[in-house]
Amino acid sequence: MQDERYSAIECILFVSGEPVSLVQLQRALDITGIEMNAIIHSMEKQYRQEERGIQLYITAVSYTHLTLPTILL
């Protein structure tokens, strides 16, 4: 179930092209804010550990994908 949620969040963030709010993601996945925050922070940790070319950019109210600056060099 966690992998499906990761995939769904990645798809939403990728196709949106702009930051997506916590509330929008919660509604799309039908989960609570606590669950959403746990998933997002788990994804962020996984991205860092796997040294992916993208990262999650997290603000107080939204999320988006960014390319790592080191990849662009």
Protein backbone atom coordinates (compact mmCIF):
# COMPACT_ATOMS: atom_id res chain seq x y z
CA MET A 1 0.00 0.00 0.00
CA GLN A 2 2.86 2.38 0.85
CA ASP A 3 4.45 1.86 -2.58
CA GLU A 4 1.15 2.64 -4.28
CA ARG A 5 0.87 5.87 -2.32
CA TYR A 6 4.47 6.81 -3.17
CA SER A 7 3.73 6.21 -6.84
CA ALA A 8 0.50 8.19 -6.73
CA ILE A 9 2.20 11.15 -5.03
CA GLU A 10 5.10 11.07 -7.49
CA CYS A 11 2.68 11.04 -10.43
CA ILE A 12 0.63 13.92 -9.04
CA LEU A 13 3.72 16.03 -8.34
CA PHE A 14 5.25 15.24 -11.73
CA VAL A 15 2.20 16.06 -13.85
CA SER A 16 1.14 19.13 -11.87
CA GLY A 17 4.21 21.16 -12.86
CA GLU A 18 3.71 23.33 -9.80
CA PRO A 19 3.56 22.80 -6.03
CA VAL A 20 0.64 20.71 -4.79
CA SER A 21 -0.94 21.44 -1.44
CA LEU A 22 -1.11 18.99 1.43
CA VAL A 23 -4.92 19.18 1.27
CA GLN A 24 -4.99 18.34 -2.45
CA LEU A 25 -2.79 15.29 -1.93
CA GLN A 26 -4.81 14.18 1.10
CA ARG A 27 -8.04 14.37 -0.88
CA ALA A 28 -6.58 12.57 -3.89
CA LEU A 29 -5.35 9.70 -1.71
CA ASP A 30 -8.16 9.81 0.87
CA ILE A 31 -5.76 9.93 3.83
CA THR A 32 -5.26 12.10 6.91
CA GLY A 33 -2.75 14.91 7.28
CA ILE A 34 -0.75 12.81 9.73
CA GLU A 35 -0.56 9.95 7.23
CA MET A 36 0.37 12.37 4.43
CA ASN A 37 3.19 13.94 6.41
CA ALA A 38 4.57 10.52 7.37
CA ILE A 39 4.55 9.37 3.75
CA ILE A 40 6.13 12.57 2.43
CA HIS A 41 8.93 12.49 5.00
CA SER A 42 9.53 8.80 4.33
CA MET A 43 9.74 9.56 0.59
CA GLU A 44 12.17 12.39 1.23
CA LYS A 45 14.40 10.11 3.31
CA GLN A 46 14.28 7.40 0.64
CA TYR A 47 15.21 9.87 -2.11
CA ARG A 48 18.28 10.98 -0.15
CA GLN A 49 19.38 7.44 0.70
CA GLU A 50 19.04 6.26 -2.90
CA GLU A 51 20.80 9.39 -4.21
CA ARG A 52 18.10 10.06 -6.77
CA GLY A 53 18.31 12.89 -9.29
CA ILE A 54 15.23 14.54 -7.84
CA GLN A 55 14.30 15.75 -4.41
CA LEU A 56 11.12 16.77 -2.69
CA TYR A 57 10.80 20.47 -1.97
CA ILE A 58 8.59 20.88 1.06
CA THR A 59 7.02 24.12 2.30
CA ALA A 60 4.57 24.61 5.13
CA VAL A 61 1.62 24.04 2.78
CA SER A 62 2.83 22.36 -0.40
CA TYR A 63 5.16 19.86 -2.06
CA THR A 64 6.90 19.64 -5.42
CA HIS A 65 9.73 17.76 -7.15
CA LEU A 66 12.98 19.52 -7.99
CA THR A 67 16.07 18.34 -9.83
CA LEU A 68 19.12 18.17 -7.61
CA PRO A 69 21.40 21.14 -8.31
CA THR A 70 24.44 18.85 -8.53
CA ILE A 71 22.83 16.97 -11.42
CA LEU A 72 22.67 20.13 -13.52
CA LEU A 73 26.43 20.73 -13.45
